[in-house]
Every structure is written in C-alpha cells, then in structure tokens.
Amino acid sequence: MKNHKKRPPEAPWRWTDDTAMAIEIVAEFAEGGAVDQDRFAKRIAGRYVADPDLDTTCAIVGGMLAAGGNLPPEEWLAATEPLPS
C-alpha cells in the first residue's frame, strides 16, 4: 500500500493566482466571518491590478471589474450555489 502522505517541497515555493485567491479568502473570513461575493471580487481585482501577471481567475475577475457594469453578470449569479455555512 502506498503512503500518500507527502511533505511539501523545499522552499522557495512559487506564488500563483491560487495563492493570491487563498489569501483573499482567508481575509474575507477574518473580516466578516464569511465570503461576501462583491467584496471578494474587489479584493481579487485589487490583486490583479497590483500584479497583472496573475492568471486565469484573477484576470477574469479583474477584467470584469475594470470593464464596469453589473459584475459579476446576473446569469453567473443565478447559476451559483450558496456557499456552505
């Protein structure tokens, strides 16, 4: 039987957009006890503006907020499931 417990690789660890998002999720819970979608989107957009090299999700959210309008789009909100409590 394989031992699936792995140790993290030696430092330095790479910073990714997932790292940035995880930090902002923790900040959301620390600030309000839950994730507020609008505030979280603004946090991610701020990360993207500060470092546009972040990819995928940060770029999508940052681009949406930069474009203005009703963000995220209503059809996206309608398709989401509530966060677990």
Protein backbone atom coordinates (compact mmCIF):
# COMPACT_ATOMS: atom_id res chain seq x y z
CA MET A 1 0.00 0.00 0.00
CA LYS A 2 1.31 3.42 -0.96
CA ASN A 3 1.93 6.06 1.64
CA HIS A 4 0.01 9.08 0.32
CA LYS A 5 1.35 11.46 2.91
CA LYS A 6 3.73 13.81 1.19
CA ARG A 7 5.90 16.52 2.57
CA PRO A 8 5.83 19.89 0.83
CA PRO A 9 8.77 20.55 -1.44
CA GLU A 10 11.67 22.54 -0.12
CA ALA A 11 11.35 26.33 -0.27
CA PRO A 12 11.21 28.59 -2.13
CA TRP A 13 7.59 27.97 -3.03
CA ARG A 14 6.09 29.56 -6.10
CA TRP A 15 3.42 32.25 -5.83
CA THR A 16 0.41 31.67 -8.07
CA ASP A 17 -3.01 33.16 -8.61
CA ASP A 18 -4.33 30.36 -6.40
CA THR A 19 -2.08 31.64 -3.60
CA ALA A 20 -3.47 35.15 -4.04
CA MET A 21 -7.05 33.88 -4.01
CA ALA A 22 -6.44 31.75 -0.91
CA ILE A 23 -5.06 34.76 0.94
CA GLU A 24 -8.11 36.82 -0.01
CA ILE A 25 -10.50 34.04 1.07
CA VAL A 26 -8.79 33.95 4.48
CA ALA A 27 -9.03 37.75 4.66
CA GLU A 28 -12.75 37.56 3.86
CA PHE A 29 -13.40 35.12 6.71
CA ALA A 30 -11.21 37.13 9.08
CA GLU A 31 -13.04 40.35 8.23
CA GLY A 32 -16.63 39.21 8.04
CA GLY A 33 -16.86 35.56 9.08
CA ALA A 34 -17.97 34.62 5.56
CA VAL A 35 -17.18 35.40 1.94
CA ASP A 36 -19.02 38.42 0.59
CA GLN A 37 -19.01 37.93 -3.20
CA ASP A 38 -18.80 41.60 -4.11
CA ARG A 39 -16.07 42.40 -1.59
CA PHE A 40 -14.16 39.26 -2.61
CA ALA A 41 -14.34 40.21 -6.30
CA LYS A 42 -12.95 43.64 -5.45
CA ARG A 43 -10.13 42.05 -3.43
CA ILE A 44 -9.19 39.79 -6.35
CA ALA A 45 -9.39 42.71 -8.77
CA GLY A 46 -7.07 44.67 -6.50
CA ARG A 47 -4.60 41.79 -6.55
CA TYR A 48 -4.78 41.72 -10.34
CA VAL A 49 -4.26 45.49 -10.66
CA ALA A 50 -1.25 45.26 -8.35
CA ASP A 51 0.20 42.28 -10.25
CA PRO A 52 -1.38 41.74 -13.69
CA ASP A 53 0.88 38.73 -14.17
CA LEU A 54 -1.59 36.68 -12.12
CA ASP A 55 -3.52 34.43 -14.45
CA THR A 56 -6.91 32.91 -15.10
CA THR A 57 -9.38 33.65 -12.31
CA CYS A 58 -7.71 36.84 -11.14
CA ALA A 59 -7.54 38.07 -14.72
CA ILE A 60 -11.20 37.25 -15.34
CA VAL A 61 -12.45 38.98 -12.19
CA GLY A 62 -10.05 41.90 -12.64
CA GLY A 63 -11.12 42.33 -16.25
CA MET A 64 -14.80 42.21 -15.34
CA LEU A 65 -14.40 44.89 -12.69
CA ALA A 66 -12.27 47.04 -14.96
CA ALA A 67 -15.00 46.85 -17.63
CA GLY A 68 -17.58 48.23 -15.20
CA GLY A 69 -21.26 47.46 -15.23
CA ASN A 70 -23.19 44.88 -13.26
CA LEU A 71 -20.50 42.50 -12.11
CA PRO A 72 -20.48 39.59 -11.94
CA PRO A 73 -23.10 39.13 -14.65
CA GLU A 74 -26.59 38.29 -13.38
CA GLU A 75 -26.61 34.95 -15.23
CA TRP A 76 -23.46 33.91 -13.34
CA LEU A 77 -25.07 34.82 -10.03
CA ALA A 78 -28.22 32.90 -10.95
CA ALA A 79 -26.15 29.80 -11.71
CA THR A 80 -24.21 29.80 -8.41
CA GLU A 81 -24.96 27.70 -5.41
CA PRO A 82 -24.91 29.24 -1.95
CA LEU A 83 -21.67 28.88 0.00
CA PRO A 84 -21.83 26.27 2.76
CA SER A 85 -22.40 27.69 6.21
